[in-house]
Amino acid sequence: MSTPKNIKCPSCKKAGDWFATPFGPFCSKRCKLVDLGKWFSEEHVVSEPLRPEHFKGFDELPPGEHLDKPEA
């Protein structure tokens, strides 16, 4: 399975092949640490706990690699 060649860094939004780096999906160690800091300061949060009804319908999806490919 091949990964996309151009993705946006979640922190700075620069496009590149970031999964080819040790920091993927981030473009650099700095961007990775900036994102981690946002989680620690609760700037990023999970809005609510996942419940079984959140997964309703997903159990009917056929298995396969197509689920891991981003939509165009």
Protein backbone atom coordinates (compact mmCIF):
# COMPACT_ATOMS: atom_id res chain seq x y z
CA MET A 1 0.00 0.00 0.00
CA SER A 2 1.50 3.35 -0.97
CA THR A 3 0.99 6.54 1.01
CA PRO A 4 -0.03 9.83 -0.59
CA LYS A 5 2.91 11.85 -1.86
CA ASN A 6 1.57 15.29 -0.93
CA ILE A 7 -0.19 15.76 2.37
CA LYS A 8 -0.53 18.88 4.49
CA CYS A 9 1.32 19.09 7.78
CA PRO A 10 -1.36 19.27 10.51
CA SER A 11 0.50 22.14 12.22
CA CYS A 12 1.85 24.48 9.54
CA LYS A 13 -0.15 23.24 6.50
CA LYS A 14 2.92 22.94 4.23
CA ALA A 15 2.45 20.20 1.62
CA GLY A 16 4.97 17.43 1.15
CA ASP A 17 5.71 13.72 1.45
CA TRP A 18 5.83 13.87 5.26
CA PHE A 19 5.27 10.14 5.82
CA ALA A 20 8.71 9.60 4.29
CA THR A 21 10.23 11.51 7.24
CA PRO A 22 10.63 10.33 10.83
CA PHE A 23 8.09 12.97 11.92
CA GLY A 24 5.19 12.03 9.59
CA PRO A 25 2.50 13.23 9.27
CA PHE A 26 4.26 16.37 10.52
CA CYS A 27 6.91 18.09 8.41
CA SER A 28 9.36 18.57 11.29
CA LYS A 29 10.05 17.83 14.93
CA ARG A 30 9.02 21.40 15.72
CA CYS A 31 5.54 20.97 14.19
CA LYS A 32 5.13 17.66 16.00
CA LEU A 33 5.97 19.32 19.35
CA VAL A 34 3.69 22.30 18.62
CA ASP A 35 0.80 19.88 18.09
CA LEU A 36 1.65 17.96 21.27
CA GLY A 37 1.70 21.24 23.20
CA LYS A 38 -1.79 22.05 21.93
CA TRP A 39 -3.05 18.73 23.31
CA PHE A 40 -1.33 19.37 26.68
CA SER A 41 -2.80 22.88 26.95
CA GLU A 42 -6.21 21.48 25.96
CA GLU A 43 -6.39 23.64 22.85
CA HIS A 44 -7.05 20.31 21.08
CA VAL A 45 -9.64 18.16 22.85
CA VAL A 46 -11.88 15.23 22.10
CA SER A 47 -15.31 16.84 22.33
CA GLU A 48 -17.16 13.84 23.72
CA PRO A 49 -16.47 10.19 24.55
CA LEU A 50 -17.08 7.71 21.74
CA ARG A 51 -20.21 5.63 22.18
CA PRO A 52 -21.36 2.51 20.28
CA GLU A 53 -23.88 4.52 18.25
CA HIS A 54 -21.02 6.54 16.75
CA PHE A 55 -19.93 3.36 14.96
CA LYS A 56 -23.37 2.39 13.69
CA GLY A 57 -23.16 1.46 10.00
CA PHE A 58 -19.39 1.03 9.95
CA ASP A 59 -19.67 -2.66 10.84
CA GLU A 60 -21.37 -3.22 7.48
CA LEU A 61 -18.44 -1.91 5.44
CA PRO A 62 -16.63 -4.55 3.40
CA PRO A 63 -13.05 -5.23 4.51
CA GLY A 64 -10.17 -4.13 2.33
CA GLU A 65 -7.43 -1.64 1.69
CA HIS A 66 -9.82 0.79 0.02
CA LEU A 67 -10.86 1.98 3.49
CA ASP A 68 -7.34 3.27 4.11
CA LYS A 69 -7.09 5.30 0.90
CA PRO A 70 -8.01 8.99 1.09
CA GLU A 71 -10.85 10.08 -1.12
CA ALA A 72 -9.96 12.26 -4.09
